[in-house]
Amino acid sequence: MSNEENQEQLVIDHLKNNPDFFVNHEELLAELTLPHASGGAVSLVERQVATLRKQAGESRQQLAELISVARDNESLNSRLHKMTLELFDATTIDDVIDTLQNHLRDQFDADSVEVKLFSANELKKEAVKGNPSPALFQQLMQDGRPKCGHIDQGQMEYLFGQFDKEAGSVALVPLDGINITGILAIGNSDPDHFHCGQGTDFLRRLGDVVAKAFEAVEIA
């Protein structure tokens, strides 16, 4: 470190350790000036005020974003709650599927909704060319976590059949209950609607609710 840099660091350290320095030396505030982006010069106080205003503006923006996220989450949870109540009123598997499709299409911007239920044995069987099978989703079921984004063509055909063009991006939700194994697939025509960077907490809760709803009608 050069002598000049060492002196600058000493000044910085002194000011940090003595935050009331300019309180005791107010006359310096009027003498100090800092270059401004416009090419002129401003006093230290003016520069500090401008910096504080900028920080305040950034804080307001961050607060607005947090409030927006909170409102979105509140709306999301409210819609999930309403759908949950209707799912538990279902008396057949078809009722559960119809309720899911209606709510996810109308309330959650889904362009296509498919539910595939299968046995553990079917999950182990290898897929035959031209005849996709649940075995394509072994990794998804083993992980037990929802997946968002793009999936391969074989998986698309198994889930959506001739309607696979409606699913530019997909959210896959594993259904793993006591006596239920399957997948809930939610498709959107926008290729970027579902992506790998999305959080999956909501989809996890949705999967738990759907699995319980299917178990309830199976037992009944």
Protein backbone atom coordinates (compact mmCIF):
# COMPACT_ATOMS: atom_id res chain seq x y z
CA MET A 1 0.00 0.00 0.00
CA SER A 2 1.40 3.42 -0.98
CA ASN A 3 1.89 6.21 1.51
CA GLU A 4 -1.04 8.12 -0.02
CA GLU A 5 -3.34 5.11 0.24
CA ASN A 6 -2.19 4.54 3.80
CA GLN A 7 -3.04 8.12 4.73
CA GLU A 8 -6.49 7.81 3.12
CA GLN A 9 -7.17 4.67 5.12
CA LEU A 10 -6.14 6.43 8.32
CA VAL A 11 -8.64 9.21 7.56
CA ILE A 12 -11.39 6.66 6.78
CA ASP A 13 -10.70 4.76 10.00
CA HIS A 14 -10.67 7.95 12.03
CA LEU A 15 -14.05 9.10 10.63
CA LYS A 16 -15.59 5.67 11.21
CA ASN A 17 -14.36 5.63 14.80
CA ASN A 18 -15.49 9.21 15.40
CA PRO A 19 -18.96 9.59 13.83
CA ASP A 20 -19.42 12.93 15.64
CA PHE A 21 -16.32 14.42 13.99
CA PHE A 22 -18.26 16.86 11.81
CA VAL A 23 -20.50 17.78 14.74
CA ASN A 24 -17.42 19.12 16.49
CA HIS A 25 -16.06 20.67 13.29
CA GLU A 26 -19.12 22.10 11.55
CA GLU A 27 -17.05 24.73 9.76
CA LEU A 28 -15.56 21.98 7.59
CA LEU A 29 -18.96 21.00 6.17
CA ALA A 30 -19.27 24.33 4.38
CA GLU A 31 -15.78 24.04 2.94
CA LEU A 32 -15.93 20.45 1.66
CA THR A 33 -17.29 19.89 -1.82
CA LEU A 34 -17.81 16.74 -3.88
CA PRO A 35 -18.01 16.35 -7.67
CA HIS A 36 -21.53 15.90 -8.99
CA ALA A 37 -22.61 13.84 -11.99
CA SER A 38 -23.71 17.05 -13.71
CA GLY A 39 -20.14 18.31 -13.64
CA GLY A 40 -20.61 20.87 -10.85
CA ALA A 41 -19.83 20.57 -7.17
CA VAL A 42 -22.06 20.11 -4.13
CA SER A 43 -21.38 20.40 -0.44
CA LEU A 44 -20.94 17.31 1.69
CA VAL A 45 -24.29 17.93 3.35
CA GLU A 46 -26.06 18.20 -0.01
CA ARG A 47 -24.38 15.00 -1.17
CA GLN A 48 -25.40 13.22 2.03
CA VAL A 49 -29.00 14.39 1.67
CA ALA A 50 -29.06 13.21 -1.95
CA THR A 51 -27.66 9.83 -0.91
CA LEU A 52 -30.24 9.46 1.87
CA ARG A 53 -33.04 10.35 -0.56
CA LYS A 54 -31.81 7.72 -2.99
CA GLN A 55 -31.65 5.10 -0.23
CA ALA A 56 -35.14 6.09 0.93
CA GLY A 57 -36.44 5.71 -2.62
CA GLU A 58 -34.88 2.25 -2.91
CA SER A 59 -36.34 1.26 0.47
CA ARG A 60 -39.81 2.41 -0.62
CA GLN A 61 -39.51 0.36 -3.81
CA GLN A 62 -38.42 -2.73 -1.85
CA LEU A 63 -41.33 -2.24 0.57
CA ALA A 64 -43.77 -1.91 -2.32
CA GLU A 65 -42.43 -5.14 -3.83
CA LEU A 66 -42.77 -6.96 -0.49
CA ILE A 67 -46.35 -5.72 -0.10
CA SER A 68 -47.15 -6.87 -3.64
CA VAL A 69 -45.71 -10.34 -2.94
CA ALA A 70 -47.65 -10.54 0.33
CA ARG A 71 -50.89 -9.65 -1.46
CA ASP A 72 -50.21 -12.21 -4.18
CA ASN A 73 -49.53 -14.88 -1.54
CA GLU A 74 -52.70 -13.95 0.33
CA SER A 75 -54.72 -14.23 -2.87
CA LEU A 76 -53.06 -17.55 -3.72
CA ASN A 77 -53.76 -19.02 -0.29
CA SER A 78 -57.36 -17.79 -0.43
CA ARG A 79 -57.92 -19.54 -3.78
CA LEU A 80 -56.23 -22.71 -2.53
CA HIS A 81 -58.45 -22.68 0.56
CA LYS A 82 -61.59 -22.36 -1.56
CA MET A 83 -60.48 -25.19 -3.84
CA THR A 84 -59.60 -27.38 -0.84
CA LEU A 85 -63.12 -27.04 0.59
CA GLU A 86 -64.65 -28.05 -2.73
CA LEU A 87 -62.25 -30.97 -3.14
CA PHE A 88 -63.27 -32.40 0.20
CA ASP A 89 -66.92 -32.18 -0.85
CA ALA A 90 -66.15 -34.48 -3.79
CA THR A 91 -67.54 -38.01 -3.58
CA THR A 92 -65.89 -39.65 -6.60
CA ILE A 93 -62.55 -39.56 -8.38
CA ASP A 94 -64.23 -37.82 -11.32
CA ASP A 95 -65.52 -35.13 -8.94
CA VAL A 96 -62.00 -34.51 -7.66
CA ILE A 97 -60.60 -34.24 -11.19
CA ASP A 98 -63.41 -31.95 -12.36
CA THR A 99 -62.92 -29.65 -9.37
CA LEU A 100 -59.18 -29.52 -9.96
CA GLN A 101 -59.57 -28.73 -13.64
CA ASN A 102 -62.19 -26.05 -13.07
CA HIS A 103 -60.25 -24.24 -10.33
CA LEU A 104 -56.81 -24.51 -11.89
CA ARG A 105 -58.07 -23.28 -15.25
CA ASP A 106 -60.26 -20.46 -13.90
CA GLN A 107 -58.27 -19.33 -10.87
CA PHE A 108 -54.66 -20.29 -11.59
CA ASP A 109 -54.23 -19.56 -15.32
CA ALA A 110 -53.79 -23.19 -16.35
CA ASP A 111 -54.33 -23.97 -20.02
CA SER A 112 -54.36 -27.71 -19.42
CA VAL A 113 -54.71 -29.89 -16.34
CA GLU A 114 -54.12 -33.64 -16.25
CA VAL A 115 -54.10 -36.19 -13.45
CA LYS A 116 -52.45 -39.57 -13.88
CA LEU A 117 -52.91 -42.20 -11.19
CA PHE A 118 -50.91 -45.42 -11.32
CA SER A 119 -49.65 -48.25 -9.17
CA ALA A 120 -46.14 -48.71 -7.81
CA ASN A 121 -45.70 -51.66 -10.18
CA GLU A 122 -46.59 -49.53 -13.21
CA LEU A 123 -43.99 -47.01 -12.12
CA LYS A 124 -41.31 -49.69 -12.34
CA LYS A 125 -42.22 -50.92 -15.82
CA GLU A 126 -40.02 -49.61 -18.61
CA ALA A 127 -41.69 -47.41 -21.21
CA VAL A 128 -42.21 -49.02 -24.61
CA LYS A 129 -41.44 -46.95 -27.70
CA GLY A 130 -44.62 -45.27 -28.87
CA ASN A 131 -46.38 -46.13 -25.62
CA PRO A 132 -45.20 -43.78 -22.81
CA SER A 133 -45.62 -45.06 -19.26
CA PRO A 134 -45.36 -43.80 -15.66
CA ALA A 135 -41.78 -45.13 -15.63
CA LEU A 136 -40.82 -41.85 -17.33
CA PHE A 137 -41.44 -40.16 -13.98
CA GLN A 138 -39.49 -42.46 -11.68
CA GLN A 139 -37.03 -39.73 -10.74
CA LEU A 140 -39.79 -37.22 -10.04
CA MET A 141 -41.59 -39.66 -7.74
CA GLN A 142 -38.36 -40.63 -5.98
CA ASP A 143 -37.47 -37.00 -5.36
CA GLY A 144 -40.99 -36.29 -4.12
CA ARG A 145 -40.70 -32.62 -5.10
CA PRO A 146 -42.68 -30.60 -7.66
CA LYS A 147 -40.85 -29.67 -10.84
CA CYS A 148 -41.42 -26.63 -13.06
CA GLY A 149 -40.27 -25.88 -16.58
CA HIS A 150 -39.92 -27.93 -19.75
CA ILE A 151 -40.22 -31.71 -19.94
CA ASP A 152 -39.26 -34.16 -22.67
CA GLN A 153 -41.59 -35.16 -25.49
CA GLY A 154 -42.32 -38.63 -24.10
CA GLN A 155 -43.48 -37.17 -20.81
CA MET A 156 -45.58 -34.57 -22.65
CA GLU A 157 -47.32 -37.25 -24.71
CA TYR A 158 -48.03 -39.39 -21.66
CA LEU A 159 -49.51 -36.49 -19.73
CA PHE A 160 -51.29 -34.40 -22.36
CA GLY A 161 -51.64 -36.60 -25.44
CA GLN A 162 -52.89 -34.67 -28.45
CA PHE A 163 -53.21 -31.53 -26.34
CA ASP A 164 -49.49 -31.27 -25.59
CA LYS A 165 -49.21 -28.05 -27.65
CA GLU A 166 -51.24 -26.30 -24.96
CA ALA A 167 -48.41 -26.93 -22.51
CA GLY A 168 -45.43 -24.77 -23.42
CA SER A 169 -44.25 -25.06 -19.83
CA VAL A 170 -45.40 -27.44 -17.12
CA ALA A 171 -45.64 -27.81 -13.37
CA LEU A 172 -45.43 -31.46 -12.27
CA VAL A 173 -46.74 -32.28 -8.81
CA PRO A 174 -46.12 -35.80 -7.45
CA LEU A 175 -49.09 -37.29 -5.61
CA ASP A 176 -47.93 -39.66 -2.93
CA GLY A 177 -50.51 -40.73 -0.38
CA ILE A 178 -51.13 -43.83 1.68
CA ASN A 179 -52.99 -45.57 -1.15
CA ILE A 180 -52.55 -43.02 -3.95
CA THR A 181 -49.64 -42.65 -6.38
CA GLY A 182 -49.75 -40.32 -9.34
CA ILE A 183 -48.96 -36.98 -10.94
CA LEU A 184 -50.85 -33.72 -11.25
CA ALA A 185 -49.65 -31.89 -14.38
CA ILE A 186 -50.49 -28.21 -14.92
CA GLY A 187 -49.65 -26.82 -18.35
CA ASN A 188 -49.48 -23.28 -19.68
CA SER A 189 -49.02 -22.31 -23.32
CA ASP A 190 -46.44 -19.69 -22.34
CA PRO A 191 -43.01 -21.40 -22.45
CA ASP A 192 -41.82 -19.16 -19.60
CA HIS A 193 -44.87 -19.37 -17.33
CA PHE A 194 -43.42 -22.26 -15.34
CA HIS A 195 -39.65 -22.26 -14.92
CA CYS A 196 -37.01 -23.98 -12.81
CA GLY A 197 -36.36 -20.88 -10.71
CA GLN A 198 -39.85 -20.82 -9.25
CA GLY A 199 -40.60 -21.65 -5.65
CA THR A 200 -42.60 -24.83 -5.17
CA ASP A 201 -44.06 -24.40 -1.66
CA PHE A 202 -47.53 -23.75 -3.05
CA LEU A 203 -47.31 -26.78 -5.35
CA ARG A 204 -46.22 -28.96 -2.41
CA ARG A 205 -49.29 -27.90 -0.43
CA LEU A 206 -51.47 -28.43 -3.48
CA GLY A 207 -50.08 -31.96 -3.92
CA ASP A 208 -50.80 -32.82 -0.28
CA VAL A 209 -54.38 -31.57 -0.57
CA VAL A 210 -55.04 -33.40 -3.85
CA ALA A 211 -53.60 -36.68 -2.56
CA LYS A 212 -55.80 -36.48 0.55
CA ALA A 213 -58.85 -35.70 -1.59
CA PHE A 214 -58.25 -38.78 -3.74
CA GLU A 215 -57.69 -40.94 -0.67
CA ALA A 216 -60.99 -39.71 0.82
CA VAL A 217 -63.05 -40.76 -2.20
CA GLU A 218 -61.12 -44.04 -2.53
CA ILE A 219 -61.93 -44.94 1.09
CA ALA A 220 -65.53 -43.83 0.69
